[in-house]
Amino acid sequence: MASNLERLARDKGLKGDLFKSVRATLMAQAAQIRALDGPEDVLTAPTVTPQPSETPVIAERIALRDKFTDEERKAIEDAHGVIYTPTGLSLDAQRSARAAKNKPSFPNDFSWGGERLTARPSRQVEMAIFPDPKEFFAPGSFGRDTKTQEGILAEDAKRLGLPNITQILPDEASTFADIVFQHEDATGKWLFGPEYAKAQNLDWVYGRTNNPTNQFGSGVAFVGGAGSDSGVRVSYWLRDFGNGRIGAVRLVVPVETK
């Protein structure tokens, strides 16, 4: 990892306190991944060269409708999408709900993210995913910063030919986890599981969110690395940098019309 940090500092001109801050963040991330028995080289995986963005610290919240129209629903289902409505439960509440079913939830403690992460409820509007491992992520979205991933998602959504839908990075890590658990309950299969990693020629894959994990908003949560023994992992990455194992999930939502 040290050589990669040196390369990052050289390529991005990081010096002094800024470099120390980035280094501390990455080392903390590596420690969390080791504790999860995950791949430490999530930090050093092949990536598109990190592209710092000018994404605002507070992401703009898109106004969403509660439900898809019949026309939208048919188009999504014809494209092999599956529609879920998150339950409104936070990550902490989801952990308790899964324990009551004697099912795995999260293998790690993420209290370091504070209530901005652990207590934020999932968003209760209809959302669609594409469970086929080859269709789950937007093409070209791995290794990109948050702003670039949002642009890729919006452009990719046009393939459905629907004027009042889009694809987003959810504001809540709990929204992704909620959908993962609903899908597992319904099908017995884990989104972000080994089949999804294999489809990307990787060993682990994760989906980016816009859920801030610190007071500055410089870190945002990602969800993934799922498995039947452990559940789904929640951690964070820097908003303005890409990571080769973190992609943008095709999460389709109905947009409020004026």
Protein backbone atom coordinates (compact mmCIF):
# COMPACT_ATOMS: atom_id res chain seq x y z
CA MET A 1 0.00 0.00 0.00
CA ALA A 2 2.87 2.38 0.76
CA SER A 3 3.96 2.48 -2.87
CA ASN A 4 0.42 3.27 -3.96
CA LEU A 5 0.18 6.11 -1.45
CA GLU A 6 3.42 7.53 -2.75
CA ARG A 7 2.13 7.32 -6.31
CA LEU A 8 -1.14 8.99 -5.30
CA ALA A 9 0.77 11.82 -3.62
CA ARG A 10 3.00 12.29 -6.65
CA ASP A 11 0.20 12.13 -9.23
CA LYS A 12 -2.17 14.43 -7.36
CA GLY A 13 0.38 16.80 -5.84
CA LEU A 14 -0.63 15.98 -2.27
CA LYS A 15 1.65 17.51 0.34
CA GLY A 16 1.82 18.36 4.03
CA ASP A 17 -1.36 18.16 6.08
CA LEU A 18 -3.51 17.23 3.05
CA PHE A 19 -1.39 14.17 2.34
CA LYS A 20 -1.42 13.21 6.02
CA SER A 21 -5.23 13.44 6.06
CA VAL A 22 -5.63 11.27 2.95
CA ARG A 23 -3.07 8.76 4.23
CA ALA A 24 -4.85 8.47 7.58
CA THR A 25 -8.17 7.89 5.85
CA LEU A 26 -6.78 5.16 3.60
CA MET A 27 -4.93 3.40 6.40
CA ALA A 28 -8.10 3.40 8.51
CA GLN A 29 -9.96 1.91 5.55
CA ALA A 30 -7.37 -0.85 5.20
CA ALA A 31 -7.66 -1.68 8.89
CA GLN A 32 -11.44 -1.99 8.59
CA ILE A 33 -11.15 -4.28 5.58
CA ARG A 34 -8.60 -6.50 7.32
CA ALA A 35 -10.98 -6.76 10.27
CA LEU A 36 -13.71 -7.91 7.87
CA ASP A 37 -11.44 -10.52 6.28
CA GLY A 38 -11.91 -8.61 3.05
CA PRO A 39 -9.26 -7.75 0.47
CA GLU A 40 -6.89 -5.05 1.68
CA ASP A 41 -6.07 -4.37 -1.94
CA VAL A 42 -9.50 -2.83 -2.39
CA LEU A 43 -7.25 0.20 -1.93
CA THR A 44 -4.84 -0.80 -4.65
CA ALA A 45 -7.07 -2.46 -7.24
CA PRO A 46 -6.67 -1.40 -10.87
CA THR A 47 -8.65 1.81 -11.25
CA VAL A 48 -9.24 4.56 -13.68
CA THR A 49 -6.82 7.29 -12.63
CA PRO A 50 -8.52 9.07 -9.70
CA GLN A 51 -10.27 12.20 -10.88
CA PRO A 52 -10.92 14.77 -8.13
CA SER A 53 -14.29 16.39 -8.67
CA GLU A 54 -15.97 19.59 -7.60
CA THR A 55 -18.94 17.73 -6.14
CA PRO A 56 -20.57 19.78 -3.35
CA VAL A 57 -20.17 18.43 0.15
CA ILE A 58 -23.97 18.17 0.39
CA ALA A 59 -25.39 16.36 -2.62
CA GLU A 60 -28.49 17.80 -4.22
CA ARG A 61 -31.56 15.73 -3.38
CA ILE A 62 -33.71 14.89 -6.39
CA ALA A 63 -37.47 15.16 -5.85
CA LEU A 64 -38.95 11.69 -6.32
CA ARG A 65 -42.45 10.36 -6.78
CA ASP A 66 -43.65 7.55 -4.54
CA LYS A 67 -44.42 5.12 -7.35
CA PHE A 68 -43.75 4.33 -10.99
CA THR A 69 -46.55 4.77 -13.51
CA ASP A 70 -47.97 1.69 -15.22
CA GLU A 71 -46.01 2.60 -18.38
CA GLU A 72 -42.77 2.96 -16.42
CA ARG A 73 -43.35 -0.27 -14.55
CA LYS A 74 -43.91 -2.19 -17.78
CA ALA A 75 -40.78 -0.75 -19.42
CA ILE A 76 -38.68 -1.61 -16.36
CA GLU A 77 -40.05 -5.13 -16.12
CA ASP A 78 -39.59 -5.65 -19.88
CA ALA A 79 -35.91 -4.73 -19.32
CA HIS A 80 -35.77 -7.42 -16.59
CA GLY A 81 -35.79 -4.92 -13.74
CA VAL A 82 -37.25 -5.72 -10.32
CA ILE A 83 -39.04 -3.09 -8.25
CA TYR A 84 -38.69 -2.80 -4.48
CA THR A 85 -39.95 -0.29 -1.93
CA PRO A 86 -37.50 0.17 0.97
CA THR A 87 -39.02 -0.22 4.41
CA GLY A 88 -37.84 3.00 6.02
CA LEU A 89 -35.57 1.18 8.47
CA SER A 90 -32.12 2.47 9.43
CA LEU A 91 -29.03 0.27 9.33
CA ASP A 92 -29.30 -0.28 13.09
CA ALA A 93 -32.97 -1.24 12.77
CA GLN A 94 -32.21 -3.55 9.84
CA ARG A 95 -29.56 -5.34 11.91
CA SER A 96 -32.17 -5.99 14.63
CA ALA A 97 -34.81 -7.09 12.11
CA ARG A 98 -32.46 -9.58 10.49
CA ALA A 99 -31.37 -10.94 13.87
CA ALA A 100 -35.04 -11.57 14.70
CA LYS A 101 -35.20 -13.75 11.57
CA ASN A 102 -31.93 -15.47 12.52
CA LYS A 103 -30.39 -14.16 9.29
CA PRO A 104 -27.05 -12.42 8.75
CA SER A 105 -27.03 -8.66 8.30
CA PHE A 106 -23.72 -6.82 8.70
CA PRO A 107 -20.41 -8.41 9.68
CA ASN A 108 -18.87 -5.14 10.81
CA ASP A 109 -19.41 -2.32 13.26
CA PHE A 110 -19.96 1.02 11.54
CA SER A 111 -20.68 3.17 14.56
CA TRP A 112 -17.67 5.26 13.47
CA GLY A 113 -20.05 6.85 10.93
CA GLY A 114 -22.29 8.21 13.67
CA GLU A 115 -26.04 8.69 13.34
CA ARG A 116 -25.59 10.26 9.90
CA LEU A 117 -24.86 6.68 8.80
CA THR A 118 -26.40 4.32 11.34
CA ALA A 119 -29.72 6.08 12.03
CA ARG A 120 -30.61 7.37 8.56
CA PRO A 121 -33.73 5.50 7.35
CA SER A 122 -34.01 3.97 3.91
CA ARG A 123 -36.06 5.98 1.44
CA GLN A 124 -39.62 4.72 1.07
CA VAL A 125 -40.28 5.14 -2.64
CA GLU A 126 -40.37 2.55 -5.38
CA MET A 127 -36.95 1.79 -6.83
CA ALA A 128 -35.84 -0.67 -9.46
CA ILE A 129 -32.68 -2.71 -9.85
CA PHE A 130 -31.48 -5.13 -12.52
CA PRO A 131 -30.49 -8.31 -10.64
CA ASP A 132 -28.62 -9.92 -13.54
CA PRO A 133 -24.98 -9.65 -12.42
CA LYS A 134 -23.99 -8.42 -15.89
CA GLU A 135 -26.64 -5.66 -15.82
CA PHE A 136 -26.49 -4.62 -12.16
CA PHE A 137 -23.86 -1.87 -12.48
CA ALA A 138 -23.74 0.96 -15.01
CA PRO A 139 -20.99 0.23 -17.56
CA GLY A 140 -17.83 2.24 -17.07
CA SER A 141 -18.70 3.32 -13.54
CA PHE A 142 -16.01 1.48 -11.60
CA GLY A 143 -13.01 3.51 -10.51
CA ARG A 144 -14.80 6.84 -10.94
CA ASP A 145 -15.40 9.65 -8.48
CA THR A 146 -18.91 10.35 -7.23
CA LYS A 147 -19.72 13.20 -9.61
CA THR A 148 -18.64 11.17 -12.64
CA GLN A 149 -20.65 8.15 -11.48
CA GLU A 150 -23.78 10.30 -11.16
CA GLY A 151 -23.31 11.51 -14.72
CA ILE A 152 -22.82 7.96 -15.99
CA LEU A 153 -26.01 6.83 -14.24
CA ALA A 154 -28.11 9.68 -15.64
CA GLU A 155 -26.89 9.05 -19.18
CA ASP A 156 -27.31 5.28 -18.85
CA ALA A 157 -30.93 5.72 -17.69
CA LYS A 158 -31.85 7.01 -21.16
CA ARG A 159 -31.71 3.44 -22.47
CA LEU A 160 -35.14 2.85 -20.91
CA GLY A 161 -36.75 5.56 -23.04
CA LEU A 162 -38.72 7.04 -20.14
CA PRO A 163 -38.73 10.83 -19.67
CA ASN A 164 -39.54 10.98 -15.95
CA ILE A 165 -37.17 8.44 -14.45
CA THR A 166 -33.48 8.57 -13.65
CA GLN A 167 -30.80 6.52 -11.89
CA ILE A 168 -29.15 7.70 -8.71
CA LEU A 169 -26.59 7.04 -6.03
CA PRO A 170 -28.88 6.75 -3.00
CA ASP A 171 -28.51 9.28 -0.19
CA GLU A 172 -28.72 6.44 2.33
CA ALA A 173 -26.56 3.35 2.74
CA SER A 174 -29.63 1.90 4.43
CA THR A 175 -31.50 2.03 1.10
CA PHE A 176 -29.04 -0.33 -0.58
CA ALA A 177 -28.92 -2.64 2.44
CA ASP A 178 -32.72 -2.69 2.61
CA ILE A 179 -32.97 -3.75 -1.04
CA VAL A 180 -30.25 -6.36 -0.57
CA PHE A 181 -32.15 -7.94 2.31
CA GLN A 182 -35.52 -7.80 0.55
CA HIS A 183 -33.98 -9.46 -2.49
CA GLU A 184 -32.38 -12.16 -0.35
CA ASP A 185 -35.68 -12.81 1.42
CA ALA A 186 -37.51 -13.10 -1.92
CA THR A 187 -34.95 -15.10 -3.92
CA GLY A 188 -32.32 -16.48 -1.56
CA LYS A 189 -29.67 -14.66 -3.61
CA TRP A 190 -27.27 -11.94 -2.48
CA LEU A 191 -26.87 -8.79 -4.53
CA PHE A 192 -23.18 -7.78 -4.49
CA GLY A 193 -22.31 -11.45 -3.99
CA PRO A 194 -19.63 -13.56 -5.71
CA GLU A 195 -21.54 -13.72 -9.03
CA TYR A 196 -21.55 -9.93 -9.21
CA ALA A 197 -17.82 -9.75 -8.56
CA LYS A 198 -17.17 -12.42 -11.19
CA ALA A 199 -19.15 -10.43 -13.77
CA GLN A 200 -16.67 -7.56 -13.29
CA ASN A 201 -13.60 -9.85 -13.18
CA LEU A 202 -13.07 -8.86 -9.55
CA ASP A 203 -13.11 -10.68 -6.22
CA TRP A 204 -15.33 -8.14 -4.42
CA VAL A 205 -17.71 -5.42 -5.63
CA TYR A 206 -19.45 -2.53 -3.88
CA GLY A 207 -22.03 0.13 -4.72
CA ARG A 208 -21.38 3.80 -3.98
CA THR A 209 -23.89 5.95 -2.09
CA ASN A 210 -24.13 9.66 -1.30
CA ASN A 211 -24.44 8.95 2.43
CA PRO A 212 -21.83 11.11 4.19
CA THR A 213 -19.73 9.37 6.83
CA ASN A 214 -18.13 12.42 8.42
CA GLN A 215 -19.08 16.00 9.22
CA PHE A 216 -17.26 17.33 6.17
CA GLY A 217 -18.96 15.04 3.64
CA SER A 218 -15.58 14.08 2.19
CA GLY A 219 -16.28 10.40 2.82
CA VAL A 220 -19.36 8.57 1.55
CA ALA A 221 -20.58 5.08 2.34
CA PHE A 222 -20.42 2.10 0.05
CA VAL A 223 -22.29 -1.19 0.41
CA GLY A 224 -21.40 -4.62 -0.93
CA GLY A 225 -19.07 -7.58 -0.61
CA ALA A 226 -22.09 -9.70 0.32
CA GLY A 227 -22.24 -13.36 1.19
CA SER A 228 -24.57 -15.89 2.78
CA ASP A 229 -22.37 -16.37 5.84
CA SER A 230 -21.72 -12.74 6.69
CA GLY A 231 -24.37 -10.53 5.10
CA VAL A 232 -23.40 -7.25 3.47
CA ARG A 233 -20.56 -4.89 4.35
CA VAL A 234 -20.83 -1.15 4.87
CA SER A 235 -17.77 1.09 4.80
CA TYR A 236 -16.66 4.36 3.18
CA TRP A 237 -14.46 5.86 0.51
CA LEU A 238 -13.44 9.39 -0.42
CA ARG A 239 -16.16 11.21 -2.38
CA ASP A 240 -13.78 12.76 -4.89
CA PHE A 241 -11.78 9.64 -5.73
CA GLY A 242 -12.56 6.45 -7.60
CA ASN A 243 -11.87 2.89 -6.50
CA GLY A 244 -11.64 -0.09 -8.82
CA ARG A 245 -14.07 -2.17 -6.78
CA ILE A 246 -16.71 0.52 -6.22
CA GLY A 247 -19.24 0.97 -9.02
CA ALA A 248 -22.55 2.75 -9.56
CA VAL A 249 -25.58 0.48 -9.29
CA ARG A 250 -28.38 1.00 -11.81
CA LEU A 251 -30.91 2.18 -9.23
CA VAL A 252 -33.93 3.49 -11.13
CA VAL A 253 -36.26 5.99 -9.46
CA PRO A 254 -39.39 7.93 -10.54
CA VAL A 255 -38.72 11.68 -10.72
CA GLU A 256 -41.25 14.28 -9.64
CA THR A 257 -42.62 16.22 -12.61
CA LYS A 258 -43.30 19.95 -12.44
